[in-house]
Protein backbone atom coordinates (compact mmCIF):
# COMPACT_ATOMS: atom_id res chain seq x y z
CA MET A 1 -7.17 16.72 -13.61
CA LEU A 2 -6.31 15.84 -10.03
CA ALA A 3 -6.14 18.56 -7.39
CA SER A 4 -2.74 19.50 -6.02
CA HIS A 5 -3.75 20.18 -2.41
CA TYR A 6 -6.63 19.84 0.03
CA TYR A 7 -5.25 22.08 2.79
CA THR A 8 -4.33 25.57 1.63
CA GLY A 9 -0.99 26.96 2.74
CA LYS A 10 0.15 23.81 4.57
CA ILE A 11 2.86 21.27 3.81
CA GLU A 12 0.59 18.32 3.01
CA ALA A 13 1.39 14.61 2.81
CA GLY A 14 -0.82 12.25 0.83
CA CYS A 15 -1.00 8.61 1.99
CA ASP A 16 -2.21 5.35 0.49
CA GLU A 17 -1.60 1.63 0.98
CA ALA A 18 -1.27 -1.49 -1.18
CA GLY A 19 -1.86 -5.14 -0.41
CA ARG A 20 -4.63 -4.88 2.13
CA GLY A 21 -6.73 -7.64 0.54
CA CYS A 22 -3.86 -10.07 -0.03
CA LEU A 23 -3.53 -13.51 1.54
CA ALA A 24 0.25 -13.25 1.71
CA GLY A 25 2.98 -10.68 2.14
CA SER A 26 3.41 -7.42 3.98
CA VAL A 27 1.12 -4.44 3.56
CA TYR A 28 2.90 -1.42 2.09
CA ALA A 29 2.01 2.26 2.39
CA ALA A 30 3.56 5.44 1.04
CA ALA A 31 3.50 9.11 1.95
CA VAL A 32 4.26 11.82 -0.61
CA ILE A 33 4.68 15.59 -0.30
CA PHE A 34 4.59 17.65 -3.51
CA PRO A 35 5.24 21.38 -3.94
CA GLU A 36 1.96 23.25 -3.51
CA ASP A 37 1.79 24.31 -7.18
CA TYR A 38 2.70 20.86 -8.53
CA HIS A 39 0.87 19.47 -11.59
CA ASN A 40 1.25 16.22 -13.48
CA GLU A 41 -1.54 15.09 -15.81
CA ALA A 42 -0.15 11.55 -16.05
CA LEU A 43 -0.73 10.83 -12.36
CA ASN A 44 -3.79 8.77 -11.51
CA ASP A 45 -4.96 5.99 -9.23
CA SER A 46 -2.37 3.19 -9.60
CA LYS A 47 -5.12 0.64 -10.35
CA GLN A 48 -5.95 2.57 -13.56
CA LEU A 49 -2.37 2.38 -14.87
CA THR A 50 -0.31 -0.33 -16.55
CA ASP A 51 2.64 -1.83 -14.71
CA HIS A 52 5.04 -0.16 -17.16
CA LYS A 53 3.39 3.25 -16.66
CA ARG A 54 3.51 2.89 -12.86
CA LYS A 55 7.24 2.15 -13.00
CA GLN A 56 7.82 5.23 -15.17
CA LEU A 57 5.77 7.42 -12.85
CA ARG A 58 7.59 6.11 -9.77
CA GLU A 59 10.81 7.66 -11.08
CA ILE A 60 9.05 10.97 -11.79
CA ILE A 61 7.38 11.03 -8.34
CA GLU A 62 10.66 10.35 -6.56
CA ARG A 63 12.35 13.10 -8.57
CA ASP A 64 9.62 15.74 -8.20
CA ALA A 65 8.40 15.19 -4.62
CA LEU A 66 9.66 17.39 -1.81
CA ALA A 67 9.70 14.16 0.23
CA TRP A 68 8.48 10.58 -0.11
CA ALA A 69 8.73 7.40 1.94
CA VAL A 70 7.41 3.85 2.11
CA GLY A 71 6.26 2.07 5.28
CA ILE A 72 5.88 -1.70 5.71
CA VAL A 73 3.97 -3.93 8.15
CA THR A 74 4.68 -7.66 7.97
CA ALA A 75 2.23 -10.56 7.73
CA GLU A 76 3.13 -11.54 11.29
CA GLU A 77 2.22 -8.05 12.53
CA ILE A 78 -1.00 -8.11 10.47
CA ASP A 79 -2.04 -11.33 12.20
CA ARG A 80 -1.35 -9.73 15.57
CA ILE A 81 -3.07 -6.34 15.14
CA ASN A 82 -5.49 -6.94 12.18
CA ILE A 83 -5.28 -5.59 8.64
CA LEU A 84 -7.00 -2.24 9.27
CA ASN A 85 -4.61 -1.35 12.10
CA ALA A 86 -1.69 -2.67 10.04
CA SER A 87 -2.63 -0.49 7.03
CA ILE A 88 -2.75 2.61 9.24
CA LEU A 89 0.50 1.64 10.97
CA ALA A 90 2.19 1.29 7.58
CA MET A 91 1.07 4.84 6.73
CA HIS A 92 2.39 6.11 10.06
CA ARG A 93 5.72 4.38 9.40
CA ALA A 94 5.91 6.07 5.99
CA LEU A 95 5.14 9.45 7.58
CA ASP A 96 7.85 8.82 10.20
CA GLN A 97 10.47 8.58 7.45
CA LEU A 98 9.64 11.76 5.53
CA LYS A 99 12.61 14.13 5.25
CA VAL A 100 10.21 17.10 5.22
CA ARG A 101 7.77 17.28 8.13
CA PRO A 102 4.14 17.57 7.01
CA GLU A 103 1.71 20.05 8.57
CA ALA A 104 -1.39 18.13 7.40
CA ILE A 105 -2.25 14.69 6.01
CA ILE A 106 -4.74 13.45 3.43
CA VAL A 107 -5.48 9.73 3.26
CA ASP A 108 -7.18 7.50 0.70
CA GLY A 109 -10.23 5.73 2.11
CA ASN A 110 -12.33 6.43 5.18
CA ARG A 111 -10.24 5.21 8.14
CA PHE A 112 -7.17 6.69 9.78
CA LYS A 113 -5.77 7.29 13.25
CA PRO A 114 -4.35 10.67 14.29
CA TYR A 115 -0.66 11.12 13.59
CA GLN A 116 1.35 13.46 15.87
CA LYS A 117 -1.66 15.74 16.41
CA LEU A 118 -1.58 16.85 12.77
CA PRO A 119 -4.86 17.68 11.03
CA HIS A 120 -5.92 14.87 8.70
CA THR A 121 -8.71 14.18 6.26
CA THR A 122 -9.80 10.83 4.81
CA ILE A 123 -10.98 10.96 1.21
CA VAL A 124 -12.87 8.06 -0.38
CA LYS A 125 -11.32 7.35 -3.81
CA GLY A 126 -8.75 10.00 -2.96
CA ASP A 127 -6.24 8.35 -5.30
CA GLY A 128 -8.40 9.56 -8.17
CA LYS A 129 -8.80 13.09 -6.72
CA TYR A 130 -5.48 14.32 -5.27
CA LEU A 131 -2.01 14.16 -6.78
CA SER A 132 -0.14 13.24 -3.60
CA ILE A 133 -2.52 10.35 -2.81
CA ALA A 134 -2.29 9.09 -6.40
CA ALA A 135 1.50 9.26 -6.13
CA ALA A 136 1.43 7.41 -2.81
CA SER A 137 -0.75 4.69 -4.36
CA ILE A 138 1.81 4.24 -7.16
CA LEU A 139 4.79 4.04 -4.80
CA ALA A 140 3.04 1.63 -2.43
CA LYS A 141 1.88 -0.58 -5.32
CA THR A 142 5.19 -0.71 -7.21
CA TYR A 143 7.37 -1.29 -4.15
CA ARG A 144 5.03 -4.01 -2.93
CA ASP A 145 4.95 -5.64 -6.37
CA ASP A 146 8.77 -5.71 -6.41
CA TYR A 147 8.74 -7.33 -2.97
CA MET A 148 6.20 -9.99 -4.02
CA ASP A 149 8.22 -10.72 -7.18
CA GLY A 150 11.18 -11.41 -4.90
CA LEU A 151 9.11 -13.77 -2.73
CA ALA A 152 7.86 -15.50 -5.88
CA GLU A 153 11.43 -16.58 -6.65
CA GLU A 154 11.52 -18.29 -3.26
CA TYR A 155 8.02 -19.82 -3.51
CA PRO A 156 7.18 -20.23 -7.22
CA GLU A 157 4.22 -22.58 -6.69
CA TYR A 158 1.93 -19.78 -5.41
CA ASP A 159 2.06 -17.74 -8.66
CA TRP A 160 2.95 -14.54 -6.80
CA HIS A 161 4.58 -13.09 -9.92
CA SER A 162 1.06 -12.82 -11.35
CA ASN A 163 -1.26 -12.46 -8.34
CA LYS A 164 1.05 -10.51 -5.96
CA GLY A 165 -0.48 -12.43 -3.04
CA TYR A 166 -4.13 -11.67 -3.85
CA PRO A 167 -6.71 -14.48 -3.48
CA THR A 168 -6.80 -15.94 -7.00
CA LYS A 169 -7.97 -19.47 -7.76
CA LYS A 170 -4.40 -20.55 -8.54
CA HIS A 171 -3.11 -19.08 -5.28
CA ARG A 172 -5.75 -20.83 -3.19
CA GLU A 173 -5.20 -24.13 -5.00
CA ALA A 174 -1.48 -23.90 -4.16
CA ILE A 175 -2.28 -23.25 -0.48
CA SER A 176 -4.58 -26.28 -0.47
CA ARG A 177 -1.92 -28.42 -2.15
CA CYS A 178 1.32 -27.15 -0.56
CA GLY A 179 0.21 -25.53 2.71
CA ILE A 180 1.29 -22.07 3.78
CA THR A 181 4.57 -20.15 3.81
CA PRO A 182 5.97 -17.87 6.53
CA TYR A 183 4.56 -14.99 4.46
CA HIS A 184 0.92 -16.04 4.55
CA ARG A 185 -1.50 -14.15 6.79
CA LYS A 186 -2.79 -16.81 9.15
CA SER A 187 -5.70 -14.67 10.35
CA PHE A 188 -7.16 -14.53 6.82
CA ASN A 189 -9.60 -16.98 5.24
CA LEU A 190 -6.87 -18.53 3.12
CA LEU A 191 -8.90 -21.21 1.33
CA GLY A 192 -11.97 -19.03 0.71
CA ASP A 193 -14.26 -21.50 2.47
CA GLY A 194 -15.22 -19.28 5.39
CA GLN A 195 -13.10 -21.36 7.74
CA LEU A 196 -9.84 -20.58 9.48
CA SER A 197 -9.22 -24.29 9.60
CA LEU A 198 -5.73 -24.87 8.24
CA ASP A 199 -3.32 -26.65 10.52
CA PHE A 200 -0.74 -23.91 10.85
CA GLY A 201 1.60 -25.75 13.21
CA GLU A 202 4.04 -23.83 15.32
């Protein structure tokens, strides 16, 4: 069972992101604050859950959390500041929107930048260890999937309904054949050939 809190006696926000390894689309992050005694055995790392189960849990998380929010950083911003900085910025933007102010932050992974002088701890595989990080991973993943499904209607040739912007063979073949969209991350190795050699135009 996942732990409810890392910091004892503090209002704690868990953070995670989705879409960091994608070739296209914004990176999404979420921040979630649960009551200190909260338990939910169904919560787990979003990657371990089916799409249907994630959607069900999103409703439960939004109902049960003391506060939750989603932050977004666009592909254009990613190209400007790099994906690591963009992932952290998305978490900061999620934290900015929380209706309850956290007193401490726990973050999935091993990289984070201080937020408003609050104590923070990075936890590798934290989405499989702490409820609020698991919940944040589910919110970030489901909201980003919904966003990519919307973009897929606009650009059906890239198979975003299935790959959500990740570097699949079909996605890269479509880039090679059709070029890029305004949602592609130009600073990424889009064709998988080690070259940033596409003619992006203006």
